[in-house]
Amino acid sequence: MVDVRLVRIKATDTGTLGTLTLNGKELCKTLELPWKDNADMISCIPVGTYECKPWDSAKFPNVWEITNVPNREAILIHSGNTMKDTHGCVLVGQGYGSFNG
């Protein structure tokens, strides 16, 4: 079994920043919605241990789904740039930046 961890490093009212690691080595940066009591489409998922499985669709080909999230479904790990790119999924990218405009 592969050990992939999402390590949250900063949580604010506007979002949650973190890293995705594989066996302790950082793979990428992450961006999630802020914690809003696990509300569908507006909250990051609860802290926990989850399994992932491959997901493939026209919109999100060759990504991963985080499974067995309480009261949630179709939580994906996919690329994105801003909060507008997520409705509860974990966005991955190369770094953090600020967005003005």
PDB file of N, CA and C in Angstrom:
ATOM      1  N   MET A   1       0.843  -1.179   0.000  1.00  0.00           N
ATOM      2  CA  MET A   1       0.000   0.000   0.000  1.00  0.00           C
ATOM      3  C   MET A   1       0.891   1.246   0.000  1.00  0.00           C
ATOM      4  N   VAL A   2       0.493   2.232  -0.745  1.00  0.00           N
ATOM      5  CA  VAL A   2       1.225   3.490  -0.841  1.00  0.00           C
ATOM      6  C   VAL A   2       0.677   4.455   0.202  1.00  0.00           C
ATOM      7  N   ASP A   3       1.564   5.175   0.871  1.00  0.00           N
ATOM      8  CA  ASP A   3       1.167   6.140   1.899  1.00  0.00           C
ATOM      9  C   ASP A   3       1.242   7.549   1.325  1.00  0.00           C
ATOM     10  N   VAL A   4       0.096   8.091   0.957  1.00  0.00           N
ATOM     11  CA  VAL A   4      -0.003   9.464   0.468  1.00  0.00           C
ATOM     12  C   VAL A   4      -0.722  10.267   1.538  1.00  0.00           C
ATOM     13  N   ARG A   5      -0.141  11.410   1.901  1.00  0.00           N
ATOM     14  CA  ARG A   5      -0.741  12.242   2.951  1.00  0.00           C
ATOM     15  C   ARG A   5      -0.967  13.655   2.466  1.00  0.00           C
ATOM     16  N   LEU A   6      -2.100  14.190   2.869  1.00  0.00           N
ATOM     17  CA  LEU A   6      -2.380  15.595   2.664  1.00  0.00           C
ATOM     18  C   LEU A   6      -2.106  16.268   4.002  1.00  0.00           C
ATOM     19  N   VAL A   7      -1.101  17.113   4.039  1.00  0.00           N
ATOM     20  CA  VAL A   7      -0.713  17.797   5.273  1.00  0.00           C
ATOM     21  C   VAL A   7      -1.179  19.239   5.170  1.00  0.00           C
ATOM     22  N   ARG A   8      -2.150  19.600   5.985  1.00  0.00           N
ATOM     23  CA  ARG A   8      -2.668  20.968   5.973  1.00  0.00           C
ATOM     24  C   ARG A   8      -1.748  21.844   6.803  1.00  0.00           C
ATOM     25  N   ILE A   9      -1.297  22.955   6.210  1.00  0.00           N
ATOM     26  CA  ILE A   9      -0.338  23.806   6.909  1.00  0.00           C
ATOM     27  C   ILE A   9      -0.904  25.160   7.304  1.00  0.00           C
ATOM     28  N   LYS A  10      -1.994  25.589   6.672  1.00  0.00           N
ATOM     29  CA  LYS A  10      -2.606  26.861   7.046  1.00  0.00           C
ATOM     30  C   LYS A  10      -4.076  26.834   6.662  1.00  0.00           C
ATOM     31  N   ALA A  11      -4.926  27.180   7.632  1.00  0.00           N
ATOM     32  CA  ALA A  11      -6.363  27.251   7.386  1.00  0.00           C
ATOM     33  C   ALA A  11      -6.863  28.635   7.764  1.00  0.00           C
ATOM     34  N   THR A  12      -7.606  29.254   6.856  1.00  0.00           N
ATOM     35  CA  THR A  12      -8.194  30.570   7.108  1.00  0.00           C
ATOM     36  C   THR A  12      -9.672  30.521   6.733  1.00  0.00           C
ATOM     37  N   ASP A  13     -10.340  31.645   6.879  1.00  0.00           N
ATOM     38  CA  ASP A  13     -11.746  31.733   6.490  1.00  0.00           C
ATOM     39  C   ASP A  13     -11.937  31.650   4.983  1.00  0.00           C
ATOM     40  N   THR A  14     -10.861  31.836   4.227  1.00  0.00           N
ATOM     41  CA  THR A  14     -10.988  31.840   2.770  1.00  0.00           C
ATOM     42  C   THR A  14     -10.420  30.596   2.098  1.00  0.00           C
ATOM     43  N   GLY A  15      -9.662  29.779   2.816  1.00  0.00           N
ATOM     44  CA  GLY A  15      -9.116  28.582   2.199  1.00  0.00           C
ATOM     45  C   GLY A  15      -8.159  27.828   3.090  1.00  0.00           C
ATOM     46  N   THR A  16      -7.746  26.666   2.616  1.00  0.00           N
ATOM     47  CA  THR A  16      -6.846  25.783   3.353  1.00  0.00           C
ATOM     48  C   THR A  16      -5.679  25.410   2.446  1.00  0.00           C
ATOM     49  N   LEU A  17      -4.469  25.701   2.905  1.00  0.00           N
ATOM     50  CA  LEU A  17      -3.253  25.395   2.155  1.00  0.00           C
ATOM     51  C   LEU A  17      -2.586  24.162   2.740  1.00  0.00           C
ATOM     52  N   GLY A  18      -1.957  23.379   1.883  1.00  0.00           N
ATOM     53  CA  GLY A  18      -1.270  22.200   2.373  1.00  0.00           C
ATOM     54  C   GLY A  18      -0.290  21.655   1.356  1.00  0.00           C
ATOM     55  N   THR A  19       0.180  20.450   1.640  1.00  0.00           N
ATOM     56  CA  THR A  19       1.065  19.732   0.728  1.00  0.00           C
ATOM     57  C   THR A  19       0.578  18.294   0.616  1.00  0.00           C
ATOM     58  N   LEU A  20       0.870  17.680  -0.501  1.00  0.00           N
ATOM     59  CA  LEU A  20       0.603  16.271  -0.706  1.00  0.00           C
ATOM     60  C   LEU A  20       1.952  15.570  -0.688  1.00  0.00           C
ATOM     61  N   THR A  21       2.090  14.559   0.166  1.00  0.00           N
ATOM     62  CA  THR A  21       3.363  13.855   0.284  1.00  0.00           C
ATOM     63  C   THR A  21       3.190  12.380  -0.062  1.00  0.00           C
ATOM     64  N   LEU A  22       4.251  11.794  -0.576  1.00  0.00           N
ATOM     65  CA  LEU A  22       4.312  10.367  -0.867  1.00  0.00           C
ATOM     66  C   LEU A  22       5.484   9.802  -0.097  1.00  0.00           C
ATOM     67  N   ASN A  23       5.187   8.922   0.853  1.00  0.00           N
ATOM     68  CA  ASN A  23       6.213   8.329   1.711  1.00  0.00           C
ATOM     69  C   ASN A  23       7.128   9.395   2.307  1.00  0.00           C
ATOM     70  N   GLY A  24       6.527  10.529   2.724  1.00  0.00           N
ATOM     71  CA  GLY A  24       7.256  11.595   3.397  1.00  0.00           C
ATOM     72  C   GLY A  24       7.882  12.632   2.489  1.00  0.00           C
ATOM     73  N   LYS A  25       7.842  12.445   1.181  1.00  0.00           N
ATOM     74  CA  LYS A  25       8.438  13.394   0.243  1.00  0.00           C
ATOM     75  C   LYS A  25       7.337  14.223  -0.418  1.00  0.00           C
ATOM     76  N   GLU A  26       7.509  15.549  -0.409  1.00  0.00           N
ATOM     77  CA  GLU A  26       6.489  16.424  -0.978  1.00  0.00           C
ATOM     78  C   GLU A  26       6.353  16.225  -2.482  1.00  0.00           C
ATOM     79  N   LEU A  27       5.113  16.040  -2.920  1.00  0.00           N
ATOM     80  CA  LEU A  27       4.808  15.911  -4.343  1.00  0.00           C
ATOM     81  C   LEU A  27       4.346  17.234  -4.940  1.00  0.00           C
ATOM     82  N   CYS A  28       3.495  17.950  -4.194  1.00  0.00           N
ATOM     83  CA  CYS A  28       2.912  19.184  -4.716  1.00  0.00           C
ATOM     84  C   CYS A  28       2.249  19.965  -3.585  1.00  0.00           C
ATOM     85  N   LYS A  29       1.825  21.163  -3.902  1.00  0.00           N
ATOM     86  CA  LYS A  29       1.065  22.005  -2.980  1.00  0.00           C
ATOM     87  C   LYS A  29      -0.417  21.713  -3.171  1.00  0.00           C
ATOM     88  N   THR A  30      -1.220  21.977  -2.141  1.00  0.00           N
ATOM     89  CA  THR A  30      -2.659  21.763  -2.236  1.00  0.00           C
ATOM     90  C   THR A  30      -3.421  23.012  -1.829  1.00  0.00           C
ATOM     91  N   LEU A  31      -4.616  23.132  -2.367  1.00  0.00           N
ATOM     92  CA  LEU A  31      -5.537  24.205  -2.030  1.00  0.00           C
ATOM     93  C   LEU A  31      -6.914  23.590  -1.855  1.00  0.00           C
ATOM     94  N   GLU A  32      -7.546  23.908  -0.714  1.00  0.00           N
ATOM     95  CA  GLU A  32      -8.891  23.414  -0.433  1.00  0.00           C
ATOM     96  C   GLU A  32      -9.764  24.564   0.042  1.00  0.00           C
ATOM     97  N   LEU A  33     -11.048  24.316   0.041  1.00  0.00           N
ATOM     98  CA  LEU A  33     -11.987  25.265   0.624  1.00  0.00           C
ATOM     99  C   LEU A  33     -11.744  25.356   2.125  1.00  0.00           C
ATOM    100  N   PRO A  34     -12.256  26.403   2.787  1.00  0.00           N
ATOM    101  CA  PRO A  34     -12.137  26.479   4.239  1.00  0.00           C
ATOM    102  C   PRO A  34     -13.034  25.426   4.900  1.00  0.00           C
ATOM    103  N   TRP A  35     -12.795  25.169   6.171  1.00  0.00           N
ATOM    104  CA  TRP A  35     -13.636  24.238   6.921  1.00  0.00           C
ATOM    105  C   TRP A  35     -14.963  24.916   7.235  1.00  0.00           C
ATOM    106  N   LYS A  36     -16.049  24.321   6.784  1.00  0.00           N
ATOM    107  CA  LYS A  36     -17.404  24.804   7.063  1.00  0.00           C
ATOM    108  C   LYS A  36     -18.276  23.606   7.416  1.00  0.00           C
ATOM    109  N   ASP A  37     -17.842  22.894   8.459  1.00  0.00           N
ATOM    110  CA  ASP A  37     -18.587  21.754   9.003  1.00  0.00           C
ATOM    111  C   ASP A  37     -18.940  20.690   7.966  1.00  0.00           C
ATOM    112  N   ASN A  38     -18.044  20.461   7.027  1.00  0.00           N
ATOM    113  CA  ASN A  38     -18.201  19.428   6.008  1.00  0.00           C
ATOM    114  C   ASN A  38     -19.408  19.659   5.097  1.00  0.00           C
ATOM    115  N   ALA A  39     -19.854  20.898   4.982  1.00  0.00           N
ATOM    116  CA  ALA A  39     -20.994  21.201   4.110  1.00  0.00           C
ATOM    117  C   ALA A  39     -20.616  20.944   2.650  1.00  0.00           C
ATOM    118  N   ASP A  40     -21.476  20.235   1.945  1.00  0.00           N
ATOM    119  CA  ASP A  40     -21.229  19.870   0.553  1.00  0.00           C
ATOM    120  C   ASP A  40     -21.042  21.104  -0.315  1.00  0.00           C
ATOM    121  N   MET A  41     -20.028  21.079  -1.155  1.00  0.00           N
ATOM    122  CA  MET A  41     -19.721  22.111  -2.150  1.00  0.00           C
ATOM    123  C   MET A  41     -19.066  23.378  -1.591  1.00  0.00           C
ATOM    124  N   ILE A  42     -19.017  23.561  -0.255  1.00  0.00           N
ATOM    125  CA  ILE A  42     -18.448  24.796   0.306  1.00  0.00           C
ATOM    126  C   ILE A  42     -17.405  24.551   1.387  1.00  0.00           C
ATOM    127  N   SER A  43     -17.125  23.299   1.705  1.00  0.00           N
ATOM    128  CA  SER A  43     -16.200  22.971   2.794  1.00  0.00           C
ATOM    129  C   SER A  43     -15.151  21.970   2.331  1.00  0.00           C
ATOM    130  N   CYS A  44     -13.965  22.064   2.958  1.00  0.00           N
ATOM    131  CA  CYS A  44     -12.991  20.984   2.798  1.00  0.00           C
ATOM    132  C   CYS A  44     -13.521  19.756   3.538  1.00  0.00           C
ATOM    133  N   ILE A  45     -12.917  18.618   3.295  1.00  0.00           N
ATOM    134  CA  ILE A  45     -13.360  17.390   3.951  1.00  0.00           C
ATOM    135  C   ILE A  45     -12.794  17.320   5.366  1.00  0.00           C
ATOM    136  N   PRO A  46     -13.424  16.519   6.236  1.00  0.00           N
ATOM    137  CA  PRO A  46     -12.915  16.384   7.601  1.00  0.00           C
ATOM    138  C   PRO A  46     -11.536  15.719   7.630  1.00  0.00           C
ATOM    139  N   VAL A  47     -10.779  16.031   8.659  1.00  0.00           N
ATOM    140  CA  VAL A  47      -9.520  15.334   8.905  1.00  0.00           C
ATOM    141  C   VAL A  47      -9.841  13.857   9.095  1.00  0.00           C
ATOM    142  N   GLY A  48      -9.059  12.991   8.491  1.00  0.00           N
ATOM    143  CA  GLY A  48      -9.305  11.565   8.624  1.00  0.00           C
ATOM    144  C   GLY A  48      -8.383  10.760   7.744  1.00  0.00           C
ATOM    145  N   THR A  49      -8.587   9.465   7.749  1.00  0.00           N
ATOM    146  CA  THR A  49      -7.841   8.548   6.901  1.00  0.00           C
ATOM    147  C   THR A  49      -8.803   8.005   5.857  1.00  0.00           C
ATOM    148  N   TYR A  50      -8.449   8.173   4.601  1.00  0.00           N
ATOM    149  CA  TYR A  50      -9.317   7.782   3.500  1.00  0.00           C
ATOM    150  C   TYR A  50      -8.539   6.961   2.482  1.00  0.00           C
ATOM    151  N   GLU A  51      -9.263   6.175   1.727  1.00  0.00           N
ATOM    152  CA  GLU A  51      -8.670   5.481   0.593  1.00  0.00           C
ATOM    153  C   GLU A  51      -8.989   6.262  -0.667  1.00  0.00           C
ATOM    154  N   CYS A  52      -8.134   6.119  -1.654  1.00  0.00           N
ATOM    155  CA  CYS A  52      -8.347   6.779  -2.942  1.00  0.00           C
ATOM    156  C   CYS A  52      -8.438   5.720  -4.029  1.00  0.00           C
ATOM    157  N   LYS A  53      -9.191   6.067  -5.070  1.00  0.00           N
ATOM    158  CA  LYS A  53      -9.275   5.169  -6.218  1.00  0.00           C
ATOM    159  C   LYS A  53      -9.227   6.004  -7.493  1.00  0.00           C
ATOM    160  N   PRO A  54      -8.801   5.407  -8.589  1.00  0.00           N
ATOM    161  CA  PRO A  54      -8.741   6.152  -9.848  1.00  0.00           C
ATOM    162  C   PRO A  54     -10.125   6.639 -10.272  1.00  0.00           C
ATOM    163  N   TRP A  55     -10.151   7.807 -10.889  1.00  0.00           N
ATOM    164  CA  TRP A  55     -11.391   8.416 -11.395  1.00  0.00           C
ATOM    165  C   TRP A  55     -11.102   8.913 -12.805  1.00  0.00           C
ATOM    166  N   ASP A  56     -12.038   8.692 -13.691  1.00  0.00           N
ATOM    167  CA  ASP A  56     -11.855   9.147 -15.063  1.00  0.00           C
ATOM    168  C   ASP A  56     -13.191   9.639 -15.604  1.00  0.00           C
ATOM    169  N   SER A  57     -13.212  10.880 -16.043  1.00  0.00           N
ATOM    170  CA  SER A  57     -14.408  11.452 -16.657  1.00  0.00           C
ATOM    171  C   SER A  57     -13.961  12.407 -17.755  1.00  0.00           C
ATOM    172  N   ALA A  58     -14.909  12.890 -18.534  1.00  0.00           N
ATOM    173  CA  ALA A  58     -14.568  13.834 -19.600  1.00  0.00           C
ATOM    174  C   ALA A  58     -13.964  15.108 -19.027  1.00  0.00           C
ATOM    175  N   LYS A  59     -14.516  15.589 -17.913  1.00  0.00           N
ATOM    176  CA  LYS A  59     -14.021  16.828 -17.307  1.00  0.00           C
ATOM    177  C   LYS A  59     -12.734  16.610 -16.523  1.00  0.00           C
ATOM    178  N   PHE A  60     -12.627  15.481 -15.834  1.00  0.00           N
ATOM    179  CA  PHE A  60     -11.463  15.191 -14.989  1.00  0.00           C
ATOM    180  C   PHE A  60     -10.887  13.818 -15.332  1.00  0.00           C
ATOM    181  N   PRO A  61     -10.140  13.723 -16.426  1.00  0.00           N
ATOM    182  CA  PRO A  61      -9.553  12.430 -16.783  1.00  0.00           C
ATOM    183  C   PRO A  61      -8.321  12.112 -15.934  1.00  0.00           C
ATOM    184  N   ASN A  62      -8.188  10.838 -15.586  1.00  0.00           N
ATOM    185  CA  ASN A  62      -6.981  10.338 -14.913  1.00  0.00           C
ATOM    186  C   ASN A  62      -6.637  11.078 -13.628  1.00  0.00           C
ATOM    187  N   VAL A  63      -7.616  11.209 -12.729  1.00  0.00           N
ATOM    188  CA  VAL A  63      -7.381  11.805 -11.418  1.00  0.00           C
ATOM    189  C   VAL A  63      -7.749  10.776 -10.351  1.00  0.00           C
ATOM    190  N   TRP A  64      -7.725  11.199  -9.094  1.00  0.00           N
ATOM    191  CA  TRP A  64      -8.040  10.315  -7.973  1.00  0.00           C
ATOM    192  C   TRP A  64      -9.269  10.817  -7.244  1.00  0.00           C
ATOM    193  N   GLU A  65     -10.077   9.868  -6.767  1.00  0.00           N
ATOM    194  CA  GLU A  65     -11.230  10.178  -5.919  1.00  0.00           C
ATOM    195  C   GLU A  65     -10.900   9.771  -4.490  1.00  0.00           C
ATOM    196  N   ILE A  66     -11.192  10.651  -3.542  1.00  0.00           N
ATOM    197  CA  ILE A  66     -11.069  10.330  -2.119  1.00  0.00           C
ATOM    198  C   ILE A  66     -12.389   9.689  -1.712  1.00  0.00           C
ATOM    199  N   THR A  67     -12.345   8.442  -1.264  1.00  0.00           N
ATOM    200  CA  THR A  67     -13.572   7.683  -1.010  1.00  0.00           C
ATOM    201  C   THR A  67     -13.942   7.654   0.466  1.00  0.00           C
ATOM    202  N   ASN A  68     -15.199   7.326   0.709  1.00  0.00           N
ATOM    203  CA  ASN A  68     -15.754   7.143   2.055  1.00  0.00           C
ATOM    204  C   ASN A  68     -15.656   8.388   2.925  1.00  0.00           C
ATOM    205  N   VAL A  69     -15.790   9.559   2.312  1.00  0.00           N
ATOM    206  CA  VAL A  69     -15.857  10.806   3.071  1.00  0.00           C
ATOM    207  C   VAL A  69     -17.285  10.915   3.604  1.00  0.00           C
ATOM    208  N   PRO A  70     -17.466  11.084   4.918  1.00  0.00           N
ATOM    209  CA  PRO A  70     -18.821  11.134   5.471  1.00  0.00           C
ATOM    210  C   PRO A  70     -19.692  12.193   4.792  1.00  0.00           C
ATOM    211  N   ASN A  71     -20.861  11.768   4.338  1.00  0.00           N
ATOM    212  CA  ASN A  71     -21.876  12.650   3.748  1.00  0.00           C
ATOM    213  C   ASN A  71     -21.407  13.403   2.510  1.00  0.00           C
ATOM    214  N   ARG A  72     -20.398  12.883   1.836  1.00  0.00           N
ATOM    215  CA  ARG A  72     -19.875  13.541   0.627  1.00  0.00           C
ATOM    216  C   ARG A  72     -19.577  12.480  -0.426  1.00  0.00           C
ATOM    217  N   GLU A  73     -19.541  12.903  -1.675  1.00  0.00           N
ATOM    218  CA  GLU A  73     -19.166  11.999  -2.765  1.00  0.00           C
ATOM    219  C   GLU A  73     -18.452  12.787  -3.843  1.00  0.00           C
ATOM    220  N   ALA A  74     -17.754  12.069  -4.691  1.00  0.00           N
ATOM    221  CA  ALA A  74     -17.017  12.656  -5.815  1.00  0.00           C
ATOM    222  C   ALA A  74     -16.040  13.737  -5.363  1.00  0.00           C
ATOM    223  N   ILE A  75     -15.305  13.471  -4.289  1.00  0.00           N
ATOM    224  CA  ILE A  75     -14.245  14.369  -3.834  1.00  0.00           C
ATOM    225  C   ILE A  75     -12.980  13.954  -4.584  1.00  0.00           C
ATOM    226  N   LEU A  76     -12.544  14.811  -5.489  1.00  0.00           N
ATOM    227  CA  LEU A  76     -11.430  14.472  -6.364  1.00  0.00           C
ATOM    228  C   LEU A  76     -10.162  15.225  -5.982  1.00  0.00           C
ATOM    229  N   ILE A  77      -9.035  14.679  -6.388  1.00  0.00           N
ATOM    230  CA  ILE A  77      -7.750  15.369  -6.327  1.00  0.00           C
ATOM    231  C   ILE A  77      -7.415  15.718  -7.771  1.00  0.00           C
ATOM    232  N   HIS A  78      -7.431  17.021  -8.090  1.00  0.00           N
ATOM    233  CA  HIS A  78      -7.184  17.445  -9.468  1.00  0.00           C
ATOM    234  C   HIS A  78      -6.499  18.802  -9.489  1.00  0.00           C
ATOM    235  N   SER A  79      -5.955  19.165 -10.623  1.00  0.00           N
ATOM    236  CA  SER A  79      -5.261  20.447 -10.734  1.00  0.00           C
ATOM    237  C   SER A  79      -6.261  21.593 -10.725  1.00  0.00           C
ATOM    238  N   GLY A  80      -5.764  22.752 -10.298  1.00  0.00           N
ATOM    239  CA  GLY A  80      -6.580  23.955 -10.265  1.00  0.00           C
ATOM    240  C   GLY A  80      -5.741  25.142  -9.852  1.00  0.00           C
ATOM    241  N   ASN A  81      -6.296  26.324 -10.037  1.00  0.00           N
ATOM    242  CA  ASN A  81      -5.550  27.547  -9.746  1.00  0.00           C
ATOM    243  C   ASN A  81      -6.162  28.412  -8.657  1.00  0.00           C
ATOM    244  N   THR A  82      -7.482  28.458  -8.583  1.00  0.00           N
ATOM    245  CA  THR A  82      -8.156  29.317  -7.605  1.00  0.00           C
ATOM    246  C   THR A  82      -9.320  28.567  -6.980  1.00  0.00           C
ATOM    247  N   MET A  83      -9.921  29.175  -5.966  1.00  0.00           N
ATOM    248  CA  MET A  83     -11.075  28.572  -5.302  1.00  0.00           C
ATOM    249  C   MET A  83     -12.234  28.345  -6.266  1.00  0.00           C
ATOM    250  N   LYS A  84     -12.265  29.087  -7.355  1.00  0.00           N
ATOM    251  CA  LYS A  84     -13.325  28.888  -8.347  1.00  0.00           C
ATOM    252  C   LYS A  84     -13.199  27.538  -9.041  1.00  0.00           C
ATOM    253  N   ASP A  85     -12.046  26.891  -8.900  1.00  0.00           N
ATOM    254  CA  ASP A  85     -11.808  25.598  -9.539  1.00  0.00           C
ATOM    255  C   ASP A  85     -12.212  24.414  -8.667  1.00  0.00           C
ATOM    256  N   THR A  86     -12.761  24.670  -7.482  1.00  0.00           N
ATOM    257  CA  THR A  86     -13.130  23.571  -6.593  1.00  0.00           C
ATOM    258  C   THR A  86     -14.519  23.765  -6.001  1.00  0.00           C
ATOM    259  N   HIS A  87     -15.198  22.648  -5.811  1.00  0.00           N
ATOM    260  CA  HIS A  87     -16.480  22.614  -5.106  1.00  0.00           C
ATOM    261  C   HIS A  87     -16.376  21.564  -4.004  1.00  0.00           C
ATOM    262  N   GLY A  88     -15.214  21.534  -3.356  1.00  0.00           N
ATOM    263  CA  GLY A  88     -14.978  20.573  -2.295  1.00  0.00           C
ATOM    264  C   GLY A  88     -13.826  19.633  -2.574  1.00  0.00           C
ATOM    265  N   CYS A  89     -13.306  19.673  -3.788  1.00  0.00           N
ATOM    266  CA  CYS A  89     -12.171  18.817  -4.151  1.00  0.00           C
ATOM    267  C   CYS A  89     -10.861  19.394  -3.616  1.00  0.00           C
ATOM    268  N   VAL A  90      -9.817  18.594  -3.685  1.00  0.00           N
ATOM    269  CA  VAL A  90      -8.472  19.019  -3.322  1.00  0.00           C
ATOM    270  C   VAL A  90      -7.762  19.412  -4.613  1.00  0.00           C
ATOM    271  N   LEU A  91      -7.373  20.680  -4.707  1.00  0.00           N
ATOM    272  CA  LEU A  91      -6.637  21.155  -5.877  1.00  0.00           C
ATOM    273  C   LEU A  91      -5.148  20.959  -5.656  1.00  0.00           C
ATOM    274  N   VAL A  92      -4.433  20.564  -6.684  1.00  0.00           N
ATOM    275  CA  VAL A  92      -2.986  20.400  -6.593  1.00  0.00           C
ATOM    276  C   VAL A  92      -2.303  21.308  -7.606  1.00  0.00           C
ATOM    277  N   GLY A  93      -1.102  21.765  -7.235  1.00  0.00           N
ATOM    278  CA  GLY A  93      -0.329  22.634  -8.110  1.00  0.00           C
ATOM    279  C   GLY A  93       1.112  22.702  -7.672  1.00  0.00           C
ATOM    280  N   GLN A  94       1.880  23.533  -8.366  1.00  0.00           N
ATOM    281  CA  GLN A  94       3.313  23.640  -8.113  1.00  0.00           C
ATOM    282  C   GLN A  94       3.664  24.601  -6.995  1.00  0.00           C
ATOM    283  N   GLY A  95       2.788  25.531  -6.658  1.00  0.00           N
ATOM    284  CA  GLY A  95       3.117  26.496  -5.616  1.00  0.00           C
ATOM    285  C   GLY A  95       1.923  27.337  -5.251  1.00  0.00           C
ATOM    286  N   TYR A  96       2.157  28.265  -4.327  1.00  0.00           N
ATOM    287  CA  TYR A  96       1.120  29.187  -3.881  1.00  0.00           C
ATOM    288  C   TYR A  96       1.391  30.554  -4.479  1.00  0.00           C
ATOM    289  N   GLY A  97       0.359  31.305  -4.656  1.00  0.00           N
ATOM    290  CA  GLY A  97       0.496  32.672  -5.138  1.00  0.00           C
ATOM    291  C   GLY A  97      -0.671  33.485  -4.633  1.00  0.00           C
ATOM    292  N   SER A  98      -0.699  34.738  -5.017  1.00  0.00           N
ATOM    293  CA  SER A  98      -1.844  35.572  -4.669  1.00  0.00           C
ATOM    294  C   SER A  98      -2.555  35.936  -5.955  1.00  0.00           C
ATOM    295  N   PHE A  99      -3.832  36.186  -5.834  1.00  0.00           N
ATOM    296  CA  PHE A  99      -4.647  36.494  -6.996  1.00  0.00           C
ATOM    297  C   PHE A  99      -5.324  37.821  -6.752  1.00  0.00           C
ATOM    298  N   ASN A 100      -4.995  38.788  -7.562  1.00  0.00           N
ATOM    299  CA  ASN A 100      -5.609  40.107  -7.457  1.00  0.00           C
ATOM    300  C   ASN A 100      -6.296  40.413  -8.774  1.00  0.00           C
ATOM    301  N   GLY A 101      -7.545  40.843  -8.669  1.00  0.00           N
ATOM    302  CA  GLY A 101      -8.220  41.216  -9.899  1.00  0.00           C
ATOM    303  C   GLY A 101      -9.575  40.670 -10.053  1.00  0.00           C
TER     304      GLY A 101
END
